[in-house]
Amino acid sequence: MKQTNTRAMVETGFVSAIGVILSAISVYLPAFAFLSFFVTPAAIGIIGTKWGRKVAPAGIALIGIRWGSRYSCAASVVAFVLVSLLVGPLMAMATILAYSLPSIFLGEAFRANWSFGKLIVIPAIALTLTSLIGILVSAGLTSFDLSQINHMIDVDLKNAIIESVKQQPMTQEQMNEYINRLDLAFDQAKRMLLAYWFAANVIVTYISAKLVSYIGRRTNSVMRTLPTMDTWRMPIWGAGTLAIGIILAYGGQYLGYANGILSDIGLNIALFGGMICGLNGITCLLSIMKSYNLAGIFKFAIIGFLYVMSPMALVIYGILDMFLDMRVRFQKRSL
């Protein structure tokens, strides 16, 4: 057996043990649950990155992907079995099953030097699918009625918000208007839950990628650094996605057809496109403010103010930047 294979298996077993320990800690100390969701996936990703390059036959992409990720798969399987034995299969599905496949994709992304967008989006899609499968399997094993989640959101959470608002000095007319807006907001949030879920998984994937990059540089496994936010440029098709979503969501009533499912799909597509355009607006403003050497705290204060007061302004500005390249137009000119 080659020394390289021996070292790879030893590190795989070590990472599996870390995953088991952190998952067990998250059962008894929920405040530290983030460790099992971020640290272990980063380590599994690094296993796939480090040993993929050394074991994979050179020049054969498919074999390279297969052999480059086999140690990540082995670590995931071992950790899943051990966590199932120690704290039960439900906890194993909630942690190991949820992050294993995204971590394998993340390791392969660093190994194969995928583009930044592909590096984030593909593991995020995998995380969305695995988390959904985990919820459905857990609900099936425990006979949990998923409609209770809808009741908790639509009734319990809404009533808690309304009760807290009733403590404020408001007239009955203002209270009724607030409740109507709250009902509309909850209804739209439930219809756009898939887009919100995917956006949350993108954030989780980005944090995991940052950890992979940081730990990898510290261990001389990964020399790639992720681009800073002020250099991000969202694709121009984000504006098209927003337009298509708006047409599907609201165009039916003008075109003579009404389809609830199609409208819900349109809302999710529109939200996804709006997030792309809004993120492009944020990164554009960060790039411009960086050219003027504005302090970091002022940058995020301005972005936070715009996001709270007028998020649509960020979306519009992001669309303008896609077509007119606002960074070049407004960046500080060098004398």
Protein backbone atom coordinates (compact mmCIF):
# COMPACT_ATOMS: atom_id res chain seq x y z
CA MET A 1 0.00 0.00 0.00
CA LYS A 2 1.35 3.40 -0.89
CA GLN A 3 2.23 5.87 1.85
CA THR A 4 -0.02 8.44 0.22
CA ASN A 5 -3.02 6.13 0.51
CA THR A 6 -2.17 5.36 4.13
CA ARG A 7 -1.95 9.03 5.09
CA ALA A 8 -5.18 9.75 3.25
CA MET A 9 -7.06 7.03 5.14
CA VAL A 10 -5.63 8.17 8.48
CA GLU A 11 -6.77 11.74 7.86
CA THR A 12 -10.15 10.48 6.67
CA GLY A 13 -10.62 8.55 9.92
CA PHE A 14 -9.50 11.59 11.90
CA VAL A 15 -12.02 13.86 10.16
CA SER A 16 -14.77 11.27 10.70
CA ALA A 17 -13.97 11.25 14.42
CA ILE A 18 -14.16 15.05 14.51
CA GLY A 19 -17.56 14.93 12.83
CA VAL A 20 -18.85 12.38 15.36
CA ILE A 21 -17.58 14.40 18.35
CA LEU A 22 -19.01 17.68 17.10
CA SER A 23 -22.36 16.07 16.27
CA ALA A 24 -22.52 14.56 19.77
CA ILE A 25 -21.67 17.95 21.31
CA SER A 26 -24.45 19.62 19.33
CA VAL A 27 -26.97 17.16 20.83
CA TYR A 28 -26.20 18.07 24.43
CA LEU A 29 -25.07 21.67 23.81
CA PRO A 30 -27.32 23.10 21.06
CA ALA A 31 -25.50 26.44 21.25
CA PHE A 32 -22.49 24.74 19.63
CA ALA A 33 -24.51 23.08 16.86
CA PHE A 34 -22.90 25.40 14.31
CA LEU A 35 -19.65 23.45 14.75
CA SER A 36 -21.12 20.28 13.27
CA PHE A 37 -22.58 22.23 10.35
CA PHE A 38 -19.51 24.29 9.42
CA VAL A 39 -16.24 22.89 10.79
CA THR A 40 -16.70 19.25 9.79
CA PRO A 41 -17.91 20.03 6.24
CA ALA A 42 -14.87 22.24 5.78
CA ALA A 43 -12.61 19.42 6.91
CA ILE A 44 -14.33 16.89 4.64
CA GLY A 45 -14.00 19.33 1.76
CA ILE A 46 -10.28 19.66 2.42
CA ILE A 47 -9.85 15.87 2.47
CA GLY A 48 -11.36 15.75 -1.02
CA THR A 49 -9.18 18.65 -2.12
CA LYS A 50 -5.85 17.54 -0.75
CA TRP A 51 -5.88 13.88 -1.66
CA GLY A 52 -7.81 14.19 -4.92
CA ARG A 53 -4.88 15.82 -6.67
CA LYS A 54 -2.41 13.17 -5.52
CA VAL A 55 -4.44 10.03 -6.10
CA ALA A 56 -6.34 10.85 -9.27
CA PRO A 57 -4.79 9.67 -12.55
CA ALA A 58 -3.52 12.71 -14.41
CA GLY A 59 -5.45 13.92 -17.43
CA ILE A 60 -8.57 11.84 -16.94
CA ALA A 61 -11.24 14.20 -15.64
CA LEU A 62 -13.87 11.62 -14.78
CA ILE A 63 -11.46 9.33 -12.97
CA GLY A 64 -9.96 12.37 -11.28
CA ILE A 65 -13.33 13.40 -9.90
CA ARG A 66 -14.11 9.85 -8.78
CA TRP A 67 -10.83 9.24 -6.98
CA GLY A 68 -10.51 12.76 -5.74
CA SER A 69 -13.79 12.50 -3.85
CA ARG A 70 -13.63 8.92 -2.59
CA TYR A 71 -11.99 9.86 0.68
CA SER A 72 -14.64 12.52 1.28
CA CYS A 73 -17.30 9.87 0.65
CA ALA A 74 -15.56 7.46 3.01
CA ALA A 75 -15.37 10.08 5.78
CA SER A 76 -19.08 10.84 5.34
CA VAL A 77 -20.11 7.17 5.48
CA VAL A 78 -18.00 6.43 8.58
CA ALA A 79 -19.25 9.55 10.38
CA PHE A 80 -22.87 8.73 9.50
CA VAL A 81 -22.59 5.19 10.86
CA LEU A 82 -20.90 6.26 14.09
CA VAL A 83 -23.30 9.14 14.77
CA SER A 84 -26.24 6.80 14.10
CA LEU A 85 -24.88 4.36 16.67
CA LEU A 86 -24.13 7.02 19.28
CA VAL A 87 -27.02 9.49 19.10
CA GLY A 88 -29.47 7.92 16.66
CA PRO A 89 -30.14 7.97 12.94
CA LEU A 90 -32.27 11.14 13.09
CA MET A 91 -29.36 13.20 14.37
CA ALA A 92 -27.12 11.59 11.77
CA MET A 93 -29.51 12.60 9.00
CA ALA A 94 -29.85 16.12 10.38
CA THR A 95 -26.08 16.68 10.39
CA ILE A 96 -24.02 14.15 8.42
CA LEU A 97 -26.57 13.50 5.66
CA ALA A 98 -27.29 17.21 5.26
CA TYR A 99 -23.71 18.37 4.72
CA SER A 100 -21.94 15.33 3.24
CA LEU A 101 -22.88 15.75 -0.42
CA PRO A 102 -22.35 19.56 -0.43
CA SER A 103 -18.96 19.03 1.23
CA ILE A 104 -17.93 16.51 -1.40
CA PHE A 105 -18.89 18.97 -4.14
CA LEU A 106 -17.03 21.73 -2.32
CA GLY A 107 -13.85 19.67 -2.09
CA GLU A 108 -14.08 18.78 -5.77
CA ALA A 109 -14.69 22.44 -6.63
CA PHE A 110 -11.44 23.48 -4.97
CA ARG A 111 -9.56 20.51 -6.42
CA ALA A 112 -10.74 21.14 -9.98
CA ASN A 113 -10.49 24.95 -9.61
CA TRP A 114 -14.11 25.64 -10.49
CA SER A 115 -15.21 29.21 -11.07
CA PHE A 116 -16.36 31.09 -7.98
CA GLY A 117 -20.01 31.07 -9.01
CA LYS A 118 -20.00 27.35 -9.74
CA LEU A 119 -18.12 26.69 -6.51
CA ILE A 120 -20.92 28.28 -4.48
CA VAL A 121 -24.07 27.43 -6.47
CA ILE A 122 -23.61 23.69 -7.03
CA PRO A 123 -22.91 22.81 -3.36
CA ALA A 124 -25.81 25.11 -2.38
CA ILE A 125 -28.16 23.17 -4.68
CA ALA A 126 -26.89 19.91 -3.18
CA LEU A 127 -27.43 21.28 0.34
CA THR A 128 -30.99 22.31 -0.54
CA LEU A 129 -31.78 18.83 -1.85
CA THR A 130 -30.13 16.93 1.02
CA SER A 131 -31.77 19.09 3.68
CA LEU A 132 -35.16 18.56 2.02
CA ILE A 133 -34.60 14.81 1.87
CA GLY A 134 -33.53 14.82 5.53
CA ILE A 135 -36.70 16.65 6.58
CA LEU A 136 -38.96 14.31 4.59
CA VAL A 137 -37.24 11.16 5.86
CA SER A 138 -37.26 12.40 9.46
CA ALA A 139 -40.95 13.30 9.19
CA GLY A 140 -41.70 9.84 7.77
CA LEU A 141 -39.81 8.01 10.52
CA THR A 142 -41.34 10.03 13.35
CA SER A 143 -44.84 10.34 11.81
CA PHE A 144 -44.54 14.10 12.13
CA ASP A 145 -47.19 16.07 10.29
CA LEU A 146 -45.41 18.73 8.23
CA SER A 147 -48.61 20.80 8.19
CA GLN A 148 -47.91 21.58 11.85
CA ILE A 149 -44.97 23.70 10.68
CA ASN A 150 -47.38 25.79 8.63
CA HIS A 151 -49.64 26.13 11.70
CA MET A 152 -46.70 27.20 13.87
CA ILE A 153 -45.69 29.89 11.36
CA ASP A 154 -49.13 31.07 10.32
CA VAL A 155 -50.77 31.05 13.76
CA ASP A 156 -48.34 30.87 16.66
CA LEU A 157 -45.62 33.14 15.29
CA LYS A 158 -48.09 35.61 13.80
CA ASN A 159 -50.07 35.81 17.06
CA ALA A 160 -46.86 36.39 19.01
CA ILE A 161 -45.97 39.30 16.73
CA ILE A 162 -49.46 40.75 16.95
CA GLU A 163 -49.46 40.53 20.75
CA SER A 164 -46.16 42.36 20.93
CA VAL A 165 -47.47 45.08 18.60
CA LYS A 166 -50.62 45.52 20.68
CA GLN A 167 -48.42 46.80 23.48
CA GLN A 168 -47.55 49.80 21.31
CA PRO A 169 -49.71 52.96 21.33
CA MET A 170 -51.63 52.43 18.07
CA THR A 171 -55.18 53.19 17.01
CA GLN A 172 -57.51 50.39 15.97
CA GLU A 173 -57.31 51.52 12.35
CA GLN A 174 -53.51 51.40 12.42
CA MET A 175 -53.67 47.99 14.09
CA ASN A 176 -55.98 46.60 11.41
CA GLU A 177 -53.76 47.96 8.64
CA TYR A 178 -50.69 46.42 10.29
CA ILE A 179 -52.42 43.03 10.62
CA ASN A 180 -53.45 43.11 6.95
CA ARG A 181 -49.86 43.86 5.91
CA LEU A 182 -48.61 41.10 8.22
CA ASP A 183 -51.03 38.59 6.67
CA LEU A 184 -49.85 39.56 3.18
CA ALA A 185 -46.19 39.31 4.20
CA PHE A 186 -46.68 35.85 5.76
CA ASP A 187 -48.62 34.63 2.73
CA GLN A 188 -45.91 35.77 0.31
CA ALA A 189 -43.13 34.39 2.54
CA LYS A 190 -44.74 30.94 2.54
CA ARG A 191 -45.15 31.03 -1.24
CA MET A 192 -41.50 32.06 -1.72
CA LEU A 193 -40.12 29.67 0.89
CA LEU A 194 -38.05 27.71 -1.66
CA ALA A 195 -36.15 30.81 -2.81
CA TYR A 196 -35.50 31.91 0.78
CA TRP A 197 -34.32 28.40 1.62
CA PHE A 198 -31.93 28.32 -1.30
CA ALA A 199 -30.57 31.78 -0.40
CA ALA A 200 -29.90 30.61 3.16
CA ASN A 201 -28.07 27.55 1.81
CA VAL A 202 -25.96 29.79 -0.44
CA ILE A 203 -24.88 31.74 2.64
CA VAL A 204 -24.06 28.50 4.50
CA THR A 205 -22.07 27.25 1.50
CA TYR A 206 -20.13 30.51 1.27
CA ILE A 207 -19.22 30.32 4.97
CA SER A 208 -18.11 26.71 4.51
CA ALA A 209 -16.04 27.69 1.46
CA LYS A 210 -14.35 30.44 3.46
CA LEU A 211 -13.50 27.88 6.15
CA VAL A 212 -12.15 25.46 3.54
CA SER A 213 -9.99 28.22 2.08
CA TYR A 214 -8.73 29.37 5.48
CA ILE A 215 -8.00 25.93 6.94
CA GLY A 216 -6.57 24.77 3.62
CA ARG A 217 -4.09 27.66 3.53
CA ARG A 218 -3.09 26.99 7.12
CA THR A 219 -2.39 23.34 6.31
CA ASN A 220 -0.83 24.02 2.88
CA SER A 221 -3.63 22.05 1.22
CA VAL A 222 -5.44 24.84 -0.64
CA MET A 223 -3.71 27.96 -1.95
CA ARG A 224 -6.82 29.46 -3.51
CA THR A 225 -8.39 32.54 -1.90
CA LEU A 226 -11.99 33.52 -2.53
CA PRO A 227 -12.61 36.92 -4.15
CA THR A 228 -13.72 39.77 -1.90
CA MET A 229 -17.28 41.07 -2.19
CA ASP A 230 -16.29 44.31 -3.89
CA THR A 231 -14.99 42.30 -6.88
CA TRP A 232 -18.13 40.20 -7.36
CA ARG A 233 -20.10 40.71 -10.56
CA MET A 234 -23.44 38.99 -10.92
CA PRO A 235 -24.41 37.64 -14.37
CA ILE A 236 -26.63 39.79 -16.54
CA TRP A 237 -29.20 37.01 -16.82
CA GLY A 238 -30.16 37.82 -13.23
CA ALA A 239 -32.16 40.78 -14.55
CA GLY A 240 -33.84 38.50 -17.10
CA THR A 241 -34.69 36.02 -14.36
CA LEU A 242 -36.32 38.80 -12.36
CA ALA A 243 -38.36 39.90 -15.38
CA ILE A 244 -39.52 36.34 -16.18
CA GLY A 245 -40.52 35.78 -12.55
CA ILE A 246 -42.56 38.98 -12.45
CA ILE A 247 -44.34 38.04 -15.68
CA LEU A 248 -45.20 34.55 -14.40
CA ALA A 249 -46.31 35.83 -10.99
CA TYR A 250 -48.39 38.83 -12.00
CA GLY A 251 -48.95 38.56 -15.74
CA GLY A 252 -51.69 35.95 -15.55
CA GLN A 253 -54.37 38.35 -14.38
CA TYR A 254 -53.66 40.59 -17.38
CA LEU A 255 -53.32 37.79 -19.93
CA GLY A 256 -56.55 36.05 -18.93
CA TYR A 257 -55.24 33.01 -17.08
CA ALA A 258 -54.93 32.30 -13.37
CA ASN A 259 -52.75 29.45 -12.13
CA GLY A 260 -51.77 29.38 -8.47
CA ILE A 261 -48.86 26.98 -8.95
CA LEU A 262 -47.46 28.97 -11.87
CA SER A 263 -47.81 32.15 -9.84
CA ASP A 264 -45.91 30.60 -6.91
CA ILE A 265 -43.15 29.45 -9.27
CA GLY A 266 -42.98 32.96 -10.69
CA LEU A 267 -42.68 34.48 -7.21
CA ASN A 268 -39.74 32.20 -6.37
CA ILE A 269 -38.04 32.95 -9.70
CA ALA A 270 -38.61 36.68 -9.23
CA LEU A 271 -37.19 36.57 -5.70
CA PHE A 272 -34.17 34.63 -6.94
CA GLY A 273 -33.55 37.16 -9.70
CA GLY A 274 -34.12 40.03 -7.31
CA MET A 275 -31.53 38.60 -4.92
CA ILE A 276 -28.99 38.36 -7.75
CA CYS A 277 -29.63 41.98 -8.82
CA GLY A 278 -29.66 43.23 -5.23
CA LEU A 279 -26.39 41.47 -4.46
CA ASN A 280 -24.87 43.01 -7.57
CA GLY A 281 -26.00 46.42 -6.35
CA ILE A 282 -24.37 45.83 -2.96
CA THR A 283 -21.06 44.68 -4.47
CA CYS A 284 -21.11 47.60 -6.92
CA LEU A 285 -21.52 50.11 -4.09
CA LEU A 286 -18.77 48.38 -2.09
CA SER A 287 -16.44 48.62 -5.08
CA ILE A 288 -17.16 52.33 -5.57
CA MET A 289 -16.78 53.13 -1.86
CA LYS A 290 -13.53 51.17 -1.75
CA SER A 291 -12.12 53.36 -4.53
CA TYR A 292 -12.73 56.38 -2.27
CA ASN A 293 -11.01 54.60 0.68
CA LEU A 294 -14.15 54.77 2.83
CA ALA A 295 -13.79 53.04 6.20
CA GLY A 296 -15.31 49.58 6.46
CA ILE A 297 -17.77 50.49 9.18
CA PHE A 298 -19.20 53.31 7.05
CA LYS A 299 -19.48 51.02 4.04
CA PHE A 300 -21.63 48.49 5.83
CA ALA A 301 -23.59 51.23 7.63
CA ILE A 302 -24.59 52.69 4.25
CA ILE A 303 -25.40 49.28 2.80
CA GLY A 304 -27.40 48.36 5.90
CA PHE A 305 -29.34 51.63 5.78
CA LEU A 306 -30.23 51.14 2.11
CA TYR A 307 -31.20 47.51 2.69
CA VAL A 308 -33.55 48.40 5.54
CA MET A 309 -35.04 51.59 4.10
CA SER A 310 -35.13 50.79 0.37
CA PRO A 311 -34.02 47.31 -0.71
CA MET A 312 -35.58 47.90 -4.12
CA ALA A 313 -33.04 50.69 -4.68
CA LEU A 314 -30.24 48.11 -4.39
CA VAL A 315 -32.01 45.88 -6.93
CA ILE A 316 -32.44 48.77 -9.39
CA TYR A 317 -28.85 49.89 -8.93
CA GLY A 318 -27.66 46.32 -9.48
CA ILE A 319 -29.59 46.15 -12.76
CA LEU A 320 -28.11 49.48 -13.87
CA ASP A 321 -24.63 48.18 -13.10
CA MET A 322 -25.24 45.06 -15.17
CA PHE A 323 -26.06 47.10 -18.27
CA LEU A 324 -24.19 50.40 -17.75
CA ASP A 325 -21.17 49.32 -15.64
CA MET A 326 -21.73 51.86 -12.86
CA ARG A 327 -18.42 50.90 -11.20
CA VAL A 328 -16.40 52.41 -14.02
CA ARG A 329 -18.60 55.49 -14.22
CA PHE A 330 -18.50 56.43 -10.54
CA GLN A 331 -15.18 55.08 -9.27
CA LYS A 332 -12.66 57.64 -8.09
CA ARG A 333 -10.41 58.78 -10.88
CA SER A 334 -6.67 58.67 -10.26
CA LEU A 335 -4.90 61.99 -10.80
